[in-house]
């Protein structure tokens, strides 16, 4: 079954370019387009969508708020934020709103297609290390962290799961975590899956965001 994509951008020419790239793929289909966030949300009421390519600066309802509303719904589509500048405040806000990643608007077509497939399969497009740089930069916008995490479900994590969560939040890959903890990558992947389930998180990017918000990890790389 083809990946169902919705294009959300107030620039018609940009949507046309993306649509042409996606239409050439046998495993993708553009099922909807919208010129702003409000229209995108309306489209979701009548059209099944797997992945949304979401601009941020749009009239009526911007992409960040549209992402927040979409991701709060059950069976929400995965959202890829499209930004003009790398690591800007819009990417930061989009990740906090629930997006699975962000990409530059001038991304090469091959990278865009790979990102859509990655997000659809359940992976985050943005590497945790990139997310950390983003959060280090904009951490003053987060609530002040303290040594006692406030997320009620963190207490449900086992000691090992918490250890893995901290390493994910510090930007390590499964392979790097496995080497650090002397575990197999399969075991690390299992731990990450349990962390996502227990904390009701969508992907590894959201693990990093939560770790900053609760104070488990602080700007500059420290952990409590």
Foldseek 3Di string as FASTA:
>chain_A
DAAEEEEEALDPVLVVVLQVLQVVDPRHDHPYYYNALVVVVVVVVPDDHAEYEAEADGPPHGRLVSLLVQQVDPPGHAYEYEDQDQLDVSQVSNVVSAHLYYDYSPDPSVLVVVCSVQVSVQARSDQLCSLLVSCLVVVVVADDADQAFPQVLVVVQDPVLVVLLLVLLLRDDLVRVCVVVVHDSVVSVVSLVVVCVSSVHRYSSVSNVSCSNHQQAHRPRDGD
